[in-house]
Amino acid sequence: MNQSEKESVRDRKTRIAKLELQLAALRSAESKAERKRDTREKIIIGGTVKAVAATDPQLRRLLIKYLDERVTRPNDRKVIETWLPTTSTQLS
């Protein structure tokens, strides 16, 4: 392989490496955008459910029940403590 061919191979390898970096950056940006969309979806759904639960006693009881059963981490329960029953009679 002559010098010109070696340089051509090296140039191609450099180009491939640059393209791989660009692809990784695009994948990262896509992942970040999806997480952002997912967070926004959760906020919208959560806000809607909270608003309806404020005026619908049946939904409120169901929501309290689910929150009490499914939110188990102490830090998370602290954030939603106003929604959690202090006694089992609150679920009735």
C-alpha atoms as a PDB file:
ATOM      1  CA  MET A   1       0.000   0.000   0.000  1.00  0.00           C
ATOM      2  CA  ASN A   2       1.476   3.324  -1.028  1.00  0.00           C
ATOM      3  CA  GLN A   3       1.423   6.540   0.958  1.00  0.00           C
ATOM      4  CA  SER A   4      -1.611   7.935  -0.851  1.00  0.00           C
ATOM      5  CA  GLU A   5      -3.651   4.790  -0.131  1.00  0.00           C
ATOM      6  CA  LYS A   6      -2.621   4.873   3.546  1.00  0.00           C
ATOM      7  CA  GLU A   7      -3.738   8.481   3.809  1.00  0.00           C
ATOM      8  CA  SER A   8      -7.039   7.625   2.118  1.00  0.00           C
ATOM      9  CA  VAL A   9      -7.695   4.785   4.590  1.00  0.00           C
ATOM     10  CA  ARG A  10      -6.769   7.033   7.504  1.00  0.00           C
ATOM     11  CA  ASP A  11      -9.085   9.773   6.187  1.00  0.00           C
ATOM     12  CA  ARG A  12     -11.937   7.285   5.886  1.00  0.00           C
ATOM     13  CA  LYS A  13     -11.369   5.990   9.404  1.00  0.00           C
ATOM     14  CA  THR A  14     -11.370   9.556  10.695  1.00  0.00           C
ATOM     15  CA  ARG A  15     -14.604  10.256   8.827  1.00  0.00           C
ATOM     16  CA  ILE A  16     -16.203   7.098  10.237  1.00  0.00           C
ATOM     17  CA  ALA A  17     -15.172   8.076  13.773  1.00  0.00           C
ATOM     18  CA  LYS A  18     -16.678  11.553  13.325  1.00  0.00           C
ATOM     19  CA  LEU A  19     -19.917  10.099  11.966  1.00  0.00           C
ATOM     20  CA  GLU A  20     -20.112   7.658  14.877  1.00  0.00           C
ATOM     21  CA  LEU A  21     -19.761  10.591  17.290  1.00  0.00           C
ATOM     22  CA  GLN A  22     -22.499  12.500  15.476  1.00  0.00           C
ATOM     23  CA  LEU A  23     -24.764   9.446  15.595  1.00  0.00           C
ATOM     24  CA  ALA A  24     -24.156   9.030  19.333  1.00  0.00           C
ATOM     25  CA  ALA A  25     -24.984  12.708  19.882  1.00  0.00           C
ATOM     26  CA  LEU A  26     -28.203  12.370  17.880  1.00  0.00           C
ATOM     27  CA  ARG A  27     -29.223   9.286  19.846  1.00  0.00           C
ATOM     28  CA  SER A  28     -28.524  11.093  23.100  1.00  0.00           C
ATOM     29  CA  ALA A  29     -30.587  14.101  22.027  1.00  0.00           C
ATOM     30  CA  GLU A  30     -33.448  11.826  20.974  1.00  0.00           C
ATOM     31  CA  SER A  31     -33.372  10.055  24.334  1.00  0.00           C
ATOM     32  CA  LYS A  32     -33.373  13.374  26.183  1.00  0.00           C
ATOM     33  CA  ALA A  33     -36.323  14.629  24.132  1.00  0.00           C
ATOM     34  CA  GLU A  34     -38.272  11.445  24.877  1.00  0.00           C
ATOM     35  CA  ARG A  35     -37.632  11.768  28.629  1.00  0.00           C
ATOM     36  CA  LYS A  36     -38.771  15.393  28.465  1.00  0.00           C
ATOM     37  CA  ARG A  37     -41.954  14.415  26.599  1.00  0.00           C
ATOM     38  CA  ASP A  38     -42.625  11.619  29.099  1.00  0.00           C
ATOM     39  CA  THR A  39     -42.205  14.016  32.034  1.00  0.00           C
ATOM     40  CA  ARG A  40     -44.575  16.528  30.449  1.00  0.00           C
ATOM     41  CA  GLU A  41     -47.132  13.770  29.852  1.00  0.00           C
ATOM     42  CA  LYS A  42     -46.966  12.750  33.512  1.00  0.00           C
ATOM     43  CA  ILE A  43     -47.420  16.341  34.642  1.00  0.00           C
ATOM     44  CA  ILE A  44     -50.461  16.857  32.405  1.00  0.00           C
ATOM     45  CA  ILE A  45     -52.103  13.571  33.392  1.00  0.00           C
ATOM     46  CA  GLY A  46     -51.312  14.088  37.076  1.00  0.00           C
ATOM     47  CA  GLY A  47     -52.680  17.622  37.059  1.00  0.00           C
ATOM     48  CA  THR A  48     -55.853  16.497  35.345  1.00  0.00           C
ATOM     49  CA  VAL A  49     -56.387  13.632  37.780  1.00  0.00           C
ATOM     50  CA  LYS A  50     -55.783  15.936  40.757  1.00  0.00           C
ATOM     51  CA  ALA A  51     -58.244  18.500  39.418  1.00  0.00           C
ATOM     52  CA  VAL A  52     -60.957  15.917  38.848  1.00  0.00           C
ATOM     53  CA  ALA A  53     -60.286  14.239  42.217  1.00  0.00           C
ATOM     54  CA  ALA A  54     -60.832  17.589  43.914  1.00  0.00           C
ATOM     55  CA  THR A  55     -64.467  17.570  42.778  1.00  0.00           C
ATOM     56  CA  ASP A  56     -65.200  13.848  42.443  1.00  0.00           C
ATOM     57  CA  PRO A  57     -65.272  12.021  45.808  1.00  0.00           C
ATOM     58  CA  GLN A  58     -65.294   8.577  44.192  1.00  0.00           C
ATOM     59  CA  LEU A  59     -62.178   9.301  42.147  1.00  0.00           C
ATOM     60  CA  ARG A  60     -60.533  10.931  45.166  1.00  0.00           C
ATOM     61  CA  ARG A  61     -61.071   7.780  47.271  1.00  0.00           C
ATOM     62  CA  LEU A  62     -59.722   5.589  44.491  1.00  0.00           C
ATOM     63  CA  LEU A  63     -56.693   7.825  43.998  1.00  0.00           C
ATOM     64  CA  ILE A  64     -55.946   7.866  47.734  1.00  0.00           C
ATOM     65  CA  LYS A  65     -56.235   4.075  47.810  1.00  0.00           C
ATOM     66  CA  TYR A  66     -53.819   3.639  44.888  1.00  0.00           C
ATOM     67  CA  LEU A  67     -51.352   6.173  46.234  1.00  0.00           C
ATOM     68  CA  ASP A  68     -51.365   4.521  49.642  1.00  0.00           C
ATOM     69  CA  GLU A  69     -50.842   1.064  48.124  1.00  0.00           C
ATOM     70  CA  ARG A  70     -48.313   1.879  45.443  1.00  0.00           C
ATOM     71  CA  VAL A  71     -46.177   4.753  46.682  1.00  0.00           C
ATOM     72  CA  THR A  72     -43.795   3.023  49.054  1.00  0.00           C
ATOM     73  CA  ARG A  73     -40.600   5.087  49.159  1.00  0.00           C
ATOM     74  CA  PRO A  74     -40.568   7.293  52.271  1.00  0.00           C
ATOM     75  CA  ASN A  75     -39.335  10.364  50.370  1.00  0.00           C
ATOM     76  CA  ASP A  76     -42.126  10.000  47.793  1.00  0.00           C
ATOM     77  CA  ARG A  77     -44.768   9.485  50.493  1.00  0.00           C
ATOM     78  CA  LYS A  78     -43.572  12.653  52.221  1.00  0.00           C
ATOM     79  CA  VAL A  79     -44.202  14.645  49.030  1.00  0.00           C
ATOM     80  CA  ILE A  80     -47.778  13.366  48.735  1.00  0.00           C
ATOM     81  CA  GLU A  81     -48.572  13.103  52.447  1.00  0.00           C
ATOM     82  CA  THR A  82     -51.618  15.370  52.141  1.00  0.00           C
ATOM     83  CA  TRP A  83     -53.105  12.762  49.792  1.00  0.00           C
ATOM     84  CA  LEU A  84     -52.381   9.797  52.042  1.00  0.00           C
ATOM     85  CA  PRO A  85     -54.838   8.595  54.663  1.00  0.00           C
ATOM     86  CA  THR A  86     -53.849   9.192  58.274  1.00  0.00           C
ATOM     87  CA  THR A  87     -56.259   6.428  59.281  1.00  0.00           C
ATOM     88  CA  SER A  88     -58.091   3.686  57.447  1.00  0.00           C
ATOM     89  CA  THR A  89     -61.367   5.579  57.919  1.00  0.00           C
ATOM     90  CA  GLN A  90     -60.271   8.176  55.367  1.00  0.00           C
ATOM     91  CA  LEU A  91     -60.593   5.569  52.638  1.00  0.00           C
ATOM     92  CA  SER A  92     -64.265   4.973  53.338  1.00  0.00           C
END
